[in-house]
């Protein structure tokens, strides 16, 4: 059974799984959900999160941990194929208020990404409002990525 926490943004969205738009359910399995990040100035910036409330990677079950690696590689391959990016950054912090639920950012690093946004500085493109793709753009991207992932 999936354990969800009150006052957790990720858990609240997972509780509404069947009603979520494409951008918030790019892919789903028994343990993980993939969503397109909101407030990110990069089309294809994904978030991979466990479907139950977890606040530390050390709390993942063996089944969740096994799926984590598979998802990170599958999503990275799909992002490279879809965006033509040079590489995919993967990061996990879960420190923002209301977002303590473990989640992994998978960020397609474009070939032409400005040097001042490379590496951890890519987080400067999150939450600043500049270049944020619209909901329809994120939905369309999610649909294309879902097709690449095989459904």
Protein backbone atom coordinates (compact mmCIF):
# COMPACT_ATOMS: atom_id res chain seq x y z
CA UNK A 1 0.00 0.00 0.00
CA UNK A 2 1.21 3.49 -0.86
CA UNK A 3 1.80 5.75 2.14
CA UNK A 4 1.10 9.42 1.45
CA UNK A 5 1.82 12.34 3.74
CA UNK A 6 -0.44 15.32 4.39
CA UNK A 7 1.01 18.71 3.43
CA UNK A 8 3.31 17.14 0.85
CA UNK A 9 2.99 18.50 -2.69
CA UNK A 10 4.26 15.27 -4.28
CA UNK A 11 1.92 13.07 -2.25
CA UNK A 12 -1.06 15.31 -3.03
CA UNK A 13 -0.39 14.96 -6.76
CA UNK A 14 0.16 11.20 -6.50
CA UNK A 15 -3.19 10.87 -4.70
CA UNK A 16 -4.84 12.33 -7.82
CA UNK A 17 -2.88 10.13 -10.23
CA UNK A 18 -5.73 9.17 -12.56
CA UNK A 19 -6.80 12.81 -12.97
CA UNK A 20 -3.34 14.27 -13.57
CA UNK A 21 -2.54 15.91 -16.91
CA UNK A 22 0.09 14.32 -19.16
CA UNK A 23 2.82 16.62 -17.88
CA UNK A 24 2.43 15.16 -14.37
CA UNK A 25 2.25 11.51 -15.40
CA UNK A 26 4.85 11.13 -18.10
CA UNK A 27 5.35 7.58 -16.85
CA UNK A 28 4.16 5.58 -13.85
CA UNK A 29 4.89 2.16 -12.42
CA UNK A 30 4.20 0.49 -9.08
CA UNK A 31 6.90 2.53 -7.30
CA UNK A 32 7.71 5.64 -9.35
CA UNK A 33 6.02 8.54 -11.11
CA UNK A 34 7.67 10.81 -13.67
CA UNK A 35 6.48 14.39 -14.09
CA UNK A 36 7.62 17.35 -16.14
CA UNK A 37 8.92 19.99 -13.72
CA UNK A 38 6.91 23.16 -13.34
CA UNK A 39 8.63 26.52 -13.14
CA UNK A 40 11.67 25.20 -15.03
CA UNK A 41 13.07 27.15 -17.95
CA UNK A 42 13.99 23.95 -19.82
CA UNK A 43 11.54 21.89 -21.85
CA UNK A 44 12.08 18.27 -20.81
CA UNK A 45 13.19 18.97 -17.22
CA UNK A 46 11.77 15.89 -15.50
CA UNK A 47 11.18 14.89 -11.91
CA UNK A 48 11.29 11.23 -10.88
CA UNK A 49 9.61 10.60 -7.53
CA UNK A 50 8.58 7.62 -5.45
CA UNK A 51 4.84 7.04 -5.24
CA UNK A 52 4.99 6.70 -1.47
CA UNK A 53 6.23 9.34 0.93
CA UNK A 54 10.00 9.04 1.36
CA UNK A 55 12.27 11.82 2.64
CA UNK A 56 15.65 10.11 2.33
CA UNK A 57 17.16 7.89 -0.35
CA UNK A 58 18.13 5.56 2.51
CA UNK A 59 14.39 4.91 3.07
CA UNK A 60 13.84 3.40 -0.38
CA UNK A 61 12.90 -0.26 -0.44
CA UNK A 62 15.06 -2.66 -2.42
CA UNK A 63 12.36 -2.75 -5.12
CA UNK A 64 12.25 1.06 -5.31
CA UNK A 65 16.04 1.23 -5.43
CA UNK A 66 16.22 -1.31 -8.25
CA UNK A 67 13.67 0.66 -10.26
CA UNK A 68 15.45 3.96 -9.62
CA UNK A 69 18.50 3.06 -11.67
CA UNK A 70 16.43 1.63 -14.48
CA UNK A 71 14.25 4.76 -14.62
CA UNK A 72 17.20 7.12 -14.58
CA UNK A 73 18.81 5.37 -17.53
CA UNK A 74 15.57 4.93 -19.52
CA UNK A 75 14.59 8.56 -19.01
CA UNK A 76 18.07 9.79 -19.88
CA UNK A 77 18.06 7.82 -23.12
CA UNK A 78 14.58 9.08 -24.01
CA UNK A 79 15.58 12.69 -23.26
CA UNK A 80 18.69 12.44 -25.43
CA UNK A 81 16.63 10.96 -28.27
CA UNK A 82 13.84 13.54 -27.94
CA UNK A 83 15.88 16.69 -27.33
CA UNK A 84 19.29 15.98 -28.84
CA UNK A 85 20.85 17.17 -25.59
CA UNK A 86 24.55 16.69 -24.88
CA UNK A 87 23.88 14.89 -21.60
CA UNK A 88 21.29 14.58 -18.85
CA UNK A 89 22.01 15.98 -15.42
CA UNK A 90 20.62 14.00 -12.46
CA UNK A 91 20.29 15.67 -9.07
CA UNK A 92 18.50 15.03 -5.79
CA UNK A 93 18.19 17.47 -2.88
CA UNK A 94 14.54 17.63 -1.68
CA UNK A 95 15.16 20.62 0.59
CA UNK A 96 12.64 23.26 -0.54
CA UNK A 97 9.75 23.89 1.87
CA UNK A 98 6.86 21.60 0.93
CA UNK A 99 9.11 19.49 -1.29
CA UNK A 100 10.97 17.28 1.21
CA UNK A 101 9.63 14.18 -0.59
CA UNK A 102 12.60 12.54 -2.33
CA UNK A 103 12.66 13.42 -6.01
CA UNK A 104 15.30 13.30 -8.71
CA UNK A 105 15.69 16.04 -11.30
CA UNK A 106 16.61 14.81 -14.78
CA UNK A 107 17.62 17.84 -16.79
CA UNK A 108 18.48 17.69 -20.48
CA UNK A 109 21.61 19.81 -20.86
CA UNK A 110 21.41 21.36 -24.30
CA UNK A 111 24.57 21.55 -26.39
CA UNK A 112 24.16 25.32 -26.54
CA UNK A 113 23.37 25.84 -22.84
CA UNK A 114 25.22 28.93 -21.66
CA UNK A 115 28.25 28.15 -19.47
CA UNK A 116 26.76 30.15 -16.57
CA UNK A 117 23.92 27.58 -16.39
CA UNK A 118 26.01 24.42 -16.63
CA UNK A 119 26.46 21.95 -13.80
CA UNK A 120 24.67 22.80 -10.55
CA UNK A 121 24.09 26.33 -11.84
CA UNK A 122 21.34 24.87 -14.06
CA UNK A 123 19.11 25.31 -11.00
CA UNK A 124 19.24 29.03 -11.75
CA UNK A 125 16.74 28.20 -14.51
CA UNK A 126 14.26 26.80 -11.98
CA UNK A 127 11.72 29.17 -10.52
CA UNK A 128 12.91 32.36 -12.15
CA UNK A 129 9.97 32.46 -14.58
CA UNK A 130 12.14 32.99 -17.67
CA UNK A 131 11.53 30.71 -20.61
CA UNK A 132 9.17 28.40 -18.73
CA UNK A 133 7.33 26.17 -21.22
CA UNK A 134 3.53 26.45 -21.16
CA UNK A 135 1.31 23.67 -19.84
CA UNK A 136 0.31 22.64 -23.40
CA UNK A 137 4.01 22.50 -24.39
CA UNK A 138 4.82 20.34 -21.36
CA UNK A 139 1.81 18.08 -22.06
CA UNK A 140 2.87 17.61 -25.69
CA UNK A 141 6.45 16.88 -24.61
CA UNK A 142 5.18 14.37 -22.04
CA UNK A 143 3.12 12.60 -24.70
CA UNK A 144 6.11 12.36 -27.04
CA UNK A 145 8.36 11.06 -24.27
CA UNK A 146 5.74 8.53 -23.15
CA UNK A 147 5.63 7.20 -26.73
CA UNK A 148 9.45 6.88 -26.73
CA UNK A 149 9.26 4.99 -23.45
CA UNK A 150 6.78 2.56 -24.97
CA UNK A 151 3.47 3.74 -23.58
